[in-house]
Amino acid sequence: MEIYDFSSLLSRGELKNSRTVFSIGVFDGVHLGHHAILSTLKRRAEEMDARSLAITFSSNPKNKSTGCLDTLRLRSSYIASFGIDFLAVIDFSTEFSKITACGFALLLSELCDPVHAVFGSDFRFGSRESQREGRDMPELLALYGKKCSVDIVDSVLDDDGIRISSTRLRKMIEKGELGTFLKLSGQFYRVDLVPIPYRSCSGELIFSRASIHQLLPPLGTYDTRLLASDGRYAECVSEIDREFLRISDPFHLSATGGGSSQGKGKLQLDSIFLERKR
C-alpha cells in the first residue's frame, strides 16, 4: 500500500486519472465495523477494475484530549492488511474543518476519478453548517462531472444487538475490559512503542506515560505480548502506574547493552498487545 499526504497527492495529481473506489474515515482502533467497510472497499475495487483508496486523518479530530485508540502507523498497517492500494492522510486543521460538503466533493473530483464510494451508515462530511450524509456523495460529485455510485455499509452489531463503534472501544479500554475489546475489534489492544524512548532498570523497560499518546487502561498489571521490529514475540507482564508503563524485559535488552532509547544498533521494539488484567 502506498501512503500519501492528501494535500500533496492532490497537488501532484498522481491519481487524477485513476478510476478509484474510495472510503473516508478516521478508522480509529480498527474494529469489526471498519472491517466490513474496508472489505467492501477492496471487493468493489476488484469488481470494477479500479484502484482502492482509503482516506483517513492524521489524528482523530473528535478525541484530541482523551487519547487515541491507535497511531497513524498502526492504523496504516491495519488498513494495508486488507490489500488496499492507497492511503491518503488528511492533516485535519481548523481550515480543513471549514470546507463545505460541496467543497470536499470538489477536492475528491480533482484528487482522482471516483467511480464508487463505500461509507459506514453514520458517515458525515462537510462543515457543520453544510454537513451531508455519505449517500449524498454521488449527487455532489455529479456537480463536477463525476459519475459515482455508493455503498452504505450497515453498522456491525454485537451479540446483544448493540452497535460496535470506536466510542464503545474507548470505553472498554477506560474500564480495562480487554476481553470485550478483543471481541468487538477482532484483536488485542495494541500500544505503539515506535519511536518512544525508554530506559532499562532491574529487568524492566520503562516508558514515560507522557510520551504515549494512546489511551491506556486503568492502573494495574497486565499479561502482555511484546513485539519486536524483527517480528519476534515474547510473553511478558506490563504494569501501568500514574507515571510510567513498565514492561518486563523478555528480550534481555539491558543485558545486551540496549537500555536508554530506541537507538540505532539495538533491537527495536514495535508494540505491545495488552491481553488481560491480572
C-alpha atoms as a PDB file:
ATOM      1  CA  MET A   1       0.000   0.000   0.000  1.00  0.00           C
ATOM      2  CA  GLU A   2       1.267   3.434  -0.939  1.00  0.00           C
ATOM      3  CA  ILE A   3       0.763   6.194   1.641  1.00  0.00           C
ATOM      4  CA  TYR A   4       0.371   9.850   0.675  1.00  0.00           C
ATOM      5  CA  ASP A   5      -0.329  13.169   2.292  1.00  0.00           C
ATOM      6  CA  PHE A   6      -3.754  14.175   0.963  1.00  0.00           C
ATOM      7  CA  SER A   7      -2.758  17.743   0.045  1.00  0.00           C
ATOM      8  CA  SER A   8       0.457  16.640  -1.664  1.00  0.00           C
ATOM      9  CA  LEU A   9      -1.342  13.939  -3.614  1.00  0.00           C
ATOM     10  CA  LEU A  10      -3.936  16.497  -4.691  1.00  0.00           C
ATOM     11  CA  SER A  11      -1.336  18.975  -5.878  1.00  0.00           C
ATOM     12  CA  ARG A  12       0.768  16.382  -7.724  1.00  0.00           C
ATOM     13  CA  GLY A  13      -2.225  14.786  -9.421  1.00  0.00           C
ATOM     14  CA  GLU A  14      -0.810  11.262  -9.389  1.00  0.00           C
ATOM     15  CA  LEU A  15      -4.265   9.650  -9.118  1.00  0.00           C
ATOM     16  CA  LYS A  16      -6.186  12.285 -11.070  1.00  0.00           C
ATOM     17  CA  ASN A  17      -6.996   9.976 -13.981  1.00  0.00           C
ATOM     18  CA  SER A  18      -7.166   6.727 -11.987  1.00  0.00           C
ATOM     19  CA  ARG A  19     -10.544   5.000 -11.664  1.00  0.00           C
ATOM     20  CA  THR A  20     -10.896   4.804  -7.918  1.00  0.00           C
ATOM     21  CA  VAL A  21     -13.166   3.235  -5.325  1.00  0.00           C
ATOM     22  CA  PHE A  22     -12.727   5.170  -2.088  1.00  0.00           C
ATOM     23  CA  SER A  23     -13.767   5.352   1.525  1.00  0.00           C
ATOM     24  CA  ILE A  24     -13.238   8.028   4.156  1.00  0.00           C
ATOM     25  CA  GLY A  25     -12.995   7.648   7.917  1.00  0.00           C
ATOM     26  CA  VAL A  26     -10.851   8.012  10.995  1.00  0.00           C
ATOM     27  CA  PHE A  27     -10.720   4.196  11.361  1.00  0.00           C
ATOM     28  CA  ASP A  28      -9.539   4.750  14.940  1.00  0.00           C
ATOM     29  CA  GLY A  29      -8.763   1.387  16.554  1.00  0.00           C
ATOM     30  CA  VAL A  30      -9.958  -0.565  13.510  1.00  0.00           C
ATOM     31  CA  HIS A  31     -12.917  -2.682  14.690  1.00  0.00           C
ATOM     32  CA  LEU A  32     -15.352  -5.134  13.108  1.00  0.00           C
ATOM     33  CA  GLY A  33     -17.410  -2.281  11.640  1.00  0.00           C
ATOM     34  CA  HIS A  34     -14.299  -0.943   9.911  1.00  0.00           C
ATOM     35  CA  HIS A  35     -13.507  -4.475   8.725  1.00  0.00           C
ATOM     36  CA  ALA A  36     -16.847  -4.549   6.909  1.00  0.00           C
ATOM     37  CA  ILE A  37     -16.169  -1.190   5.228  1.00  0.00           C
ATOM     38  CA  LEU A  38     -12.587  -1.985   4.183  1.00  0.00           C
ATOM     39  CA  SER A  39     -13.512  -5.461   2.942  1.00  0.00           C
ATOM     40  CA  THR A  40     -16.307  -3.983   0.842  1.00  0.00           C
ATOM     41  CA  LEU A  41     -13.932  -1.295  -0.459  1.00  0.00           C
ATOM     42  CA  LYS A  42     -11.441  -3.899  -1.642  1.00  0.00           C
ATOM     43  CA  ARG A  43     -14.113  -6.134  -3.183  1.00  0.00           C
ATOM     44  CA  ARG A  44     -15.804  -3.299  -5.061  1.00  0.00           C
ATOM     45  CA  ALA A  45     -12.484  -2.082  -6.454  1.00  0.00           C
ATOM     46  CA  GLU A  46     -11.742  -5.557  -7.818  1.00  0.00           C
ATOM     47  CA  GLU A  47     -15.242  -5.889  -9.290  1.00  0.00           C
ATOM     48  CA  MET A  48     -14.967  -2.505 -11.012  1.00  0.00           C
ATOM     49  CA  ASP A  49     -11.341  -2.937 -12.136  1.00  0.00           C
ATOM     50  CA  ALA A  50     -10.415   0.182 -10.179  1.00  0.00           C
ATOM     51  CA  ARG A  51      -7.864   1.197  -7.565  1.00  0.00           C
ATOM     52  CA  SER A  52      -8.839   1.201  -3.888  1.00  0.00           C
ATOM     53  CA  LEU A  53      -8.235   4.315  -1.804  1.00  0.00           C
ATOM     54  CA  ALA A  54      -8.788   4.826   1.919  1.00  0.00           C
ATOM     55  CA  ILE A  55      -8.754   8.411   3.168  1.00  0.00           C
ATOM     56  CA  THR A  56      -8.086   8.965   6.861  1.00  0.00           C
ATOM     57  CA  PHE A  57      -6.895  11.660   9.256  1.00  0.00           C
ATOM     58  CA  SER A  58      -3.533  12.122  10.938  1.00  0.00           C
ATOM     59  CA  SER A  59      -5.359  12.221  14.277  1.00  0.00           C
ATOM     60  CA  ASN A  60      -8.924  11.800  15.445  1.00  0.00           C
ATOM     61  CA  PRO A  61     -10.471  15.306  15.350  1.00  0.00           C
ATOM     62  CA  LYS A  62     -13.103  14.249  17.898  1.00  0.00           C
ATOM     63  CA  ASN A  63     -10.750  12.909  20.571  1.00  0.00           C
ATOM     64  CA  LYS A  64      -7.750  15.198  20.763  1.00  0.00           C
ATOM     65  CA  SER A  65      -7.833  15.387  24.567  1.00  0.00           C
ATOM     66  CA  THR A  66      -8.842  11.851  25.542  1.00  0.00           C
ATOM     67  CA  GLY A  67      -6.203   9.808  23.715  1.00  0.00           C
ATOM     68  CA  CYS A  68      -6.477   7.762  20.539  1.00  0.00           C
ATOM     69  CA  LEU A  69      -7.011   4.044  20.219  1.00  0.00           C
ATOM     70  CA  ASP A  70      -4.099   3.736  17.812  1.00  0.00           C
ATOM     71  CA  THR A  71      -1.432   5.698  15.988  1.00  0.00           C
ATOM     72  CA  LEU A  72      -1.243   6.527  12.307  1.00  0.00           C
ATOM     73  CA  ARG A  73       1.497   3.901  11.930  1.00  0.00           C
ATOM     74  CA  LEU A  74      -0.678   1.139  13.406  1.00  0.00           C
ATOM     75  CA  ARG A  75      -3.764   2.289  11.514  1.00  0.00           C
ATOM     76  CA  SER A  76      -1.836   2.261   8.242  1.00  0.00           C
ATOM     77  CA  SER A  77      -0.728  -1.287   8.947  1.00  0.00           C
ATOM     78  CA  TYR A  78      -4.297  -2.400   9.674  1.00  0.00           C
ATOM     79  CA  ILE A  79      -5.653  -0.804   6.504  1.00  0.00           C
ATOM     80  CA  ALA A  80      -2.840  -2.284   4.390  1.00  0.00           C
ATOM     81  CA  SER A  81      -3.753  -5.770   5.652  1.00  0.00           C
ATOM     82  CA  PHE A  82      -6.977  -5.572   3.608  1.00  0.00           C
ATOM     83  CA  GLY A  83      -4.998  -5.164   0.387  1.00  0.00           C
ATOM     84  CA  ILE A  84      -5.944  -1.503  -0.109  1.00  0.00           C
ATOM     85  CA  ASP A  85      -3.867   0.158  -2.844  1.00  0.00           C
ATOM     86  CA  PHE A  86      -3.565   3.703  -1.489  1.00  0.00           C
ATOM     87  CA  LEU A  87      -3.948   5.561   1.788  1.00  0.00           C
ATOM     88  CA  ALA A  88      -4.280   9.346   1.764  1.00  0.00           C
ATOM     89  CA  VAL A  89      -3.821  11.115   5.105  1.00  0.00           C
ATOM     90  CA  ILE A  90      -5.566  14.412   5.823  1.00  0.00           C
ATOM     91  CA  ASP A  91      -3.845  16.689   8.309  1.00  0.00           C
ATOM     92  CA  PHE A  92      -7.029  17.868   9.990  1.00  0.00           C
ATOM     93  CA  SER A  93      -6.949  21.568  10.839  1.00  0.00           C
ATOM     94  CA  THR A  94      -9.282  24.432  11.633  1.00  0.00           C
ATOM     95  CA  GLU A  95      -9.137  25.469   7.984  1.00  0.00           C
ATOM     96  CA  PHE A  96      -9.997  21.968   6.785  1.00  0.00           C
ATOM     97  CA  SER A  97     -12.969  21.766   9.171  1.00  0.00           C
ATOM     98  CA  LYS A  98     -14.489  24.785   7.386  1.00  0.00           C
ATOM     99  CA  ILE A  99     -14.602  23.100   3.969  1.00  0.00           C
ATOM    100  CA  THR A 100     -18.202  22.650   2.839  1.00  0.00           C
ATOM    101  CA  ALA A 101     -19.618  19.346   1.652  1.00  0.00           C
ATOM    102  CA  CYS A 102     -19.581  20.664  -1.925  1.00  0.00           C
ATOM    103  CA  GLY A 103     -16.031  21.899  -1.457  1.00  0.00           C
ATOM    104  CA  PHE A 104     -14.894  18.492  -0.266  1.00  0.00           C
ATOM    105  CA  ALA A 105     -16.598  16.781  -3.205  1.00  0.00           C
ATOM    106  CA  LEU A 106     -14.715  19.160  -5.497  1.00  0.00           C
ATOM    107  CA  LEU A 107     -11.410  18.140  -3.884  1.00  0.00           C
ATOM    108  CA  LEU A 108     -12.252  14.478  -4.419  1.00  0.00           C
ATOM    109  CA  SER A 109     -13.120  15.105  -8.070  1.00  0.00           C
ATOM    110  CA  GLU A 110      -9.692  16.679  -8.521  1.00  0.00           C
ATOM    111  CA  LEU A 111      -7.861  14.027  -6.492  1.00  0.00           C
ATOM    112  CA  CYS A 112      -8.893  11.034  -8.607  1.00  0.00           C
ATOM    113  CA  ASP A 113     -11.600   9.670 -10.904  1.00  0.00           C
ATOM    114  CA  PRO A 114     -14.065   8.474  -8.246  1.00  0.00           C
ATOM    115  CA  VAL A 115     -16.311   5.733  -9.648  1.00  0.00           C
ATOM    116  CA  HIS A 116     -17.629   4.299  -6.382  1.00  0.00           C
ATOM    117  CA  ALA A 117     -17.659   5.152  -2.675  1.00  0.00           C
ATOM    118  CA  VAL A 118     -18.032   2.959   0.409  1.00  0.00           C
ATOM    119  CA  PHE A 119     -19.178   4.551   3.668  1.00  0.00           C
ATOM    120  CA  GLY A 120     -20.448   3.490   7.048  1.00  0.00           C
ATOM    121  CA  SER A 121     -24.068   4.352   7.801  1.00  0.00           C
ATOM    122  CA  ASP A 122     -23.010   7.103  10.226  1.00  0.00           C
ATOM    123  CA  PHE A 123     -20.543   8.824   7.883  1.00  0.00           C
ATOM    124  CA  ARG A 124     -20.972  12.593   7.515  1.00  0.00           C
ATOM    125  CA  PHE A 125     -18.792  15.113   5.702  1.00  0.00           C
ATOM    126  CA  GLY A 126     -18.510  18.858   5.257  1.00  0.00           C
ATOM    127  CA  SER A 127     -18.526  21.757   7.693  1.00  0.00           C
ATOM    128  CA  ARG A 128     -21.146  21.776  10.422  1.00  0.00           C
ATOM    129  CA  GLU A 129     -23.386  24.188   8.511  1.00  0.00           C
ATOM    130  CA  SER A 130     -23.168  22.248   5.223  1.00  0.00           C
ATOM    131  CA  GLN A 131     -22.890  18.682   6.505  1.00  0.00           C
ATOM    132  CA  ARG A 132     -24.174  15.890   4.245  1.00  0.00           C
ATOM    133  CA  GLU A 133     -24.515  12.109   4.512  1.00  0.00           C
ATOM    134  CA  GLY A 134     -22.443   9.587   2.617  1.00  0.00           C
ATOM    135  CA  ARG A 135     -25.385   8.710   0.379  1.00  0.00           C
ATOM    136  CA  ASP A 136     -25.303  12.306  -0.907  1.00  0.00           C
ATOM    137  CA  MET A 137     -21.773  11.988  -2.294  1.00  0.00           C
ATOM    138  CA  PRO A 138     -22.791  10.865  -5.856  1.00  0.00           C
ATOM    139  CA  GLU A 139     -25.106  13.875  -6.172  1.00  0.00           C
ATOM    140  CA  LEU A 140     -22.338  16.304  -5.194  1.00  0.00           C
ATOM    141  CA  LEU A 141     -19.685  14.649  -7.361  1.00  0.00           C
ATOM    142  CA  ALA A 142     -22.061  14.889 -10.312  1.00  0.00           C
ATOM    143  CA  LEU A 143     -21.833  18.680  -9.991  1.00  0.00           C
ATOM    144  CA  TYR A 144     -18.194  18.310 -11.055  1.00  0.00           C
ATOM    145  CA  GLY A 145     -18.782  15.881 -13.906  1.00  0.00           C
ATOM    146  CA  LYS A 146     -18.120  12.658 -11.988  1.00  0.00           C
ATOM    147  CA  LYS A 147     -20.397   9.622 -12.138  1.00  0.00           C
ATOM    148  CA  CYS A 148     -20.070   7.780  -8.845  1.00  0.00           C
ATOM    149  CA  SER A 149     -22.168   5.117  -7.144  1.00  0.00           C
ATOM    150  CA  VAL A 150     -22.125   4.376  -3.417  1.00  0.00           C
ATOM    151  CA  ASP A 151     -22.415   1.526  -0.925  1.00  0.00           C
ATOM    152  CA  ILE A 152     -23.659   2.346   2.572  1.00  0.00           C
ATOM    153  CA  VAL A 153     -22.423  -0.413   4.880  1.00  0.00           C
ATOM    154  CA  ASP A 154     -24.718  -1.155   7.802  1.00  0.00           C
ATOM    155  CA  SER A 155     -23.293  -0.922  11.302  1.00  0.00           C
ATOM    156  CA  VAL A 156     -21.983  -4.182  12.751  1.00  0.00           C
ATOM    157  CA  LEU A 157     -23.789  -5.230  15.930  1.00  0.00           C
ATOM    158  CA  ASP A 158     -22.524  -7.336  18.807  1.00  0.00           C
ATOM    159  CA  ASP A 159     -24.318 -10.420  20.166  1.00  0.00           C
ATOM    160  CA  ASP A 160     -26.636  -8.152  22.159  1.00  0.00           C
ATOM    161  CA  GLY A 161     -27.613  -6.124  19.107  1.00  0.00           C
ATOM    162  CA  ILE A 162     -25.572  -3.065  20.161  1.00  0.00           C
ATOM    163  CA  ARG A 163     -23.611  -1.150  17.540  1.00  0.00           C
ATOM    164  CA  ILE A 164     -19.833  -1.597  17.553  1.00  0.00           C
ATOM    165  CA  SER A 165     -18.051   1.746  17.418  1.00  0.00           C
ATOM    166  CA  SER A 166     -14.751   3.391  18.319  1.00  0.00           C
ATOM    167  CA  THR A 167     -16.565   5.193  21.153  1.00  0.00           C
ATOM    168  CA  ARG A 168     -17.518   1.841  22.683  1.00  0.00           C
ATOM    169  CA  LEU A 169     -13.965   0.537  22.259  1.00  0.00           C
ATOM    170  CA  ARG A 170     -12.667   3.615  24.046  1.00  0.00           C
ATOM    171  CA  LYS A 171     -14.984   2.930  26.989  1.00  0.00           C
ATOM    172  CA  MET A 172     -13.794  -0.691  27.113  1.00  0.00           C
ATOM    173  CA  ILE A 173     -10.178   0.455  27.440  1.00  0.00           C
ATOM    174  CA  GLU A 174     -11.066   3.061  30.067  1.00  0.00           C
ATOM    175  CA  LYS A 175     -12.743   0.304  32.104  1.00  0.00           C
ATOM    176  CA  GLY A 176      -9.960  -2.212  31.476  1.00  0.00           C
ATOM    177  CA  GLU A 177     -12.346  -4.642  29.751  1.00  0.00           C
ATOM    178  CA  LEU A 178      -9.742  -6.028  27.364  1.00  0.00           C
ATOM    179  CA  GLY A 179     -11.655  -9.225  26.637  1.00  0.00           C
ATOM    180  CA  THR A 180     -14.629  -7.224  25.385  1.00  0.00           C
ATOM    181  CA  PHE A 181     -12.289  -5.047  23.318  1.00  0.00           C
ATOM    182  CA  LEU A 182     -10.925  -8.205  21.670  1.00  0.00           C
ATOM    183  CA  LYS A 183     -14.444  -9.406  20.894  1.00  0.00           C
ATOM    184  CA  LEU A 184     -15.516  -6.109  19.311  1.00  0.00           C
ATOM    185  CA  SER A 185     -12.323  -5.370  17.390  1.00  0.00           C
ATOM    186  CA  GLY A 186     -11.067  -8.830  16.489  1.00  0.00           C
ATOM    187  CA  GLN A 187      -7.637  -8.141  18.029  1.00  0.00           C
ATOM    188  CA  PHE A 188      -5.983  -7.443  21.362  1.00  0.00           C
ATOM    189  CA  TYR A 189      -5.456  -3.798  22.254  1.00  0.00           C
ATOM    190  CA  ARG A 190      -2.144  -2.717  20.737  1.00  0.00           C
ATOM    191  CA  VAL A 191       0.039   0.103  22.061  1.00  0.00           C
ATOM    192  CA  ASP A 192       2.618   1.553  19.674  1.00  0.00           C
ATOM    193  CA  LEU A 193       6.163   1.809  21.061  1.00  0.00           C
ATOM    194  CA  VAL A 194       7.710   3.441  17.975  1.00  0.00           C
ATOM    195  CA  PRO A 195       9.681   5.674  18.357  1.00  0.00           C
ATOM    196  CA  ILE A 196       9.131   6.189  22.095  1.00  0.00           C
ATOM    197  CA  PRO A 197      12.330   6.293  24.179  1.00  0.00           C
ATOM    198  CA  TYR A 198      12.676   4.034  27.207  1.00  0.00           C
ATOM    199  CA  ARG A 199      15.191   3.081  29.851  1.00  0.00           C
ATOM    200  CA  SER A 200      16.096  -0.298  31.320  1.00  0.00           C
ATOM    201  CA  CYS A 201      16.239  -0.912  35.031  1.00  0.00           C
ATOM    202  CA  SER A 202      16.203  -4.165  37.027  1.00  0.00           C
ATOM    203  CA  GLY A 203      14.819  -6.235  34.193  1.00  0.00           C
ATOM    204  CA  GLU A 204      12.163  -3.704  33.189  1.00  0.00           C
ATOM    205  CA  LEU A 205      11.671  -1.473  30.152  1.00  0.00           C
ATOM    206  CA  ILE A 206      10.314   1.817  31.458  1.00  0.00           C
ATOM    207  CA  PHE A 207       8.310   4.262  29.325  1.00  0.00           C
ATOM    208  CA  SER A 208       7.019   7.613  30.492  1.00  0.00           C
ATOM    209  CA  ARG A 209       3.231   7.816  30.196  1.00  0.00           C
ATOM    210  CA  ALA A 210       3.610  11.392  28.967  1.00  0.00           C
ATOM    211  CA  SER A 211       5.315  10.073  25.810  1.00  0.00           C
ATOM    212  CA  ILE A 212       2.451   7.668  24.989  1.00  0.00           C
ATOM    213  CA  HIS A 213      -0.410   9.381  23.168  1.00  0.00           C
ATOM    214  CA  GLN A 214      -2.711   6.382  23.078  1.00  0.00           C
ATOM    215  CA  LEU A 215      -5.365   5.687  25.656  1.00  0.00           C
ATOM    216  CA  LEU A 216      -4.164   3.278  28.352  1.00  0.00           C
ATOM    217  CA  PRO A 217      -6.332   1.037  30.552  1.00  0.00           C
ATOM    218  CA  PRO A 218      -6.618   1.581  34.322  1.00  0.00           C
ATOM    219  CA  LEU A 219      -3.653   1.303  36.656  1.00  0.00           C
ATOM    220  CA  GLY A 220      -2.636  -2.280  37.259  1.00  0.00           C
ATOM    221  CA  THR A 221      -0.714  -5.298  35.975  1.00  0.00           C
ATOM    222  CA  TYR A 222      -1.475  -6.924  32.632  1.00  0.00           C
ATOM    223  CA  ASP A 223      -0.493 -10.062  30.750  1.00  0.00           C
ATOM    224  CA  THR A 224       1.189  -8.786  27.614  1.00  0.00           C
ATOM    225  CA  ARG A 225       2.835  -9.805  24.347  1.00  0.00           C
ATOM    226  CA  LEU A 226       5.803  -7.702  23.290  1.00  0.00           C
ATOM    227  CA  LEU A 227       6.525  -7.445  19.566  1.00  0.00           C
ATOM    228  CA  ALA A 228       9.982  -6.537  18.267  1.00  0.00           C
ATOM    229  CA  SER A 229      10.566  -4.912  14.887  1.00  0.00           C
ATOM    230  CA  ASP A 230      12.131  -8.130  13.567  1.00  0.00           C
ATOM    231  CA  GLY A 231       8.833  -9.948  14.101  1.00  0.00           C
ATOM    232  CA  ARG A 232       9.711 -11.768  17.308  1.00  0.00           C
ATOM    233  CA  TYR A 233       7.060 -12.041  20.022  1.00  0.00           C
ATOM    234  CA  ALA A 234       7.605 -12.643  23.717  1.00  0.00           C
ATOM    235  CA  GLU A 235       5.180 -13.122  26.589  1.00  0.00           C
ATOM    236  CA  CYS A 236       5.729 -10.636  29.387  1.00  0.00           C
ATOM    237  CA  VAL A 237       3.995  -8.547  32.021  1.00  0.00           C
ATOM    238  CA  SER A 238       3.179  -4.834  31.914  1.00  0.00           C
ATOM    239  CA  GLU A 239       2.489  -2.578  34.854  1.00  0.00           C
ATOM    240  CA  ILE A 240       0.743   0.758  34.415  1.00  0.00           C
ATOM    241  CA  ASP A 241       1.097   3.320  37.174  1.00  0.00           C
ATOM    242  CA  ARG A 242       0.435   7.047  37.260  1.00  0.00           C
ATOM    243  CA  GLU A 243       3.775   7.987  35.698  1.00  0.00           C
ATOM    244  CA  PHE A 244       5.109   5.000  33.795  1.00  0.00           C
ATOM    245  CA  LEU A 245       4.398   1.993  31.639  1.00  0.00           C
ATOM    246  CA  ARG A 246       6.755  -0.739  32.873  1.00  0.00           C
ATOM    247  CA  ILE A 247       7.284  -3.843  30.750  1.00  0.00           C
ATOM    248  CA  SER A 248       9.241  -6.874  31.914  1.00  0.00           C
ATOM    249  CA  ASP A 249      12.277  -7.381  29.678  1.00  0.00           C
ATOM    250  CA  PRO A 250      11.831 -10.740  27.848  1.00  0.00           C
ATOM    251  CA  PHE A 251      14.493  -9.879  25.275  1.00  0.00           C
ATOM    252  CA  HIS A 252      17.092  -9.088  27.982  1.00  0.00           C
ATOM    253  CA  LEU A 253      17.898  -5.739  26.404  1.00  0.00           C
ATOM    254  CA  SER A 254      19.673  -4.466  29.497  1.00  0.00           C
ATOM    255  CA  ALA A 255      21.997  -7.474  29.412  1.00  0.00           C
ATOM    256  CA  THR A 256      22.848  -6.885  25.760  1.00  0.00           C
ATOM    257  CA  GLY A 257      23.526  -3.190  26.100  1.00  0.00           C
ATOM    258  CA  GLY A 258      20.122  -1.921  24.992  1.00  0.00           C
ATOM    259  CA  GLY A 259      18.875   0.465  27.527  1.00  0.00           C
ATOM    260  CA  SER A 260      18.299   4.143  27.146  1.00  0.00           C
ATOM    261  CA  SER A 261      16.332   4.637  23.921  1.00  0.00           C
ATOM    262  CA  GLN A 262      15.152   3.121  20.658  1.00  0.00           C
ATOM    263  CA  GLY A 263      18.620   3.813  19.344  1.00  0.00           C
ATOM    264  CA  LYS A 264      20.454   2.551  16.300  1.00  0.00           C
ATOM    265  CA  GLY A 265      22.299  -0.706  16.684  1.00  0.00           C
ATOM    266  CA  LYS A 266      19.979  -2.405  19.174  1.00  0.00           C
ATOM    267  CA  LEU A 267      16.850  -4.493  18.965  1.00  0.00           C
ATOM    268  CA  GLN A 268      13.950  -2.180  18.132  1.00  0.00           C
ATOM    269  CA  LEU A 269      10.654  -2.514  19.963  1.00  0.00           C
ATOM    270  CA  ASP A 270       7.470  -2.335  17.898  1.00  0.00           C
ATOM    271  CA  SER A 271       4.419  -2.556  20.150  1.00  0.00           C
ATOM    272  CA  ILE A 272       2.692  -4.420  22.948  1.00  0.00           C
ATOM    273  CA  PHE A 273      -0.600  -6.270  22.958  1.00  0.00           C
ATOM    274  CA  LEU A 274      -2.425  -5.976  26.288  1.00  0.00           C
ATOM    275  CA  GLU A 275      -4.323  -9.241  26.776  1.00  0.00           C
ATOM    276  CA  ARG A 276      -5.828  -9.294  30.258  1.00  0.00           C
ATOM    277  CA  LYS A 277      -5.558  -7.721  33.690  1.00  0.00           C
ATOM    278  CA  ARG A 278      -4.038  -9.799  36.437  1.00  0.00           C
END
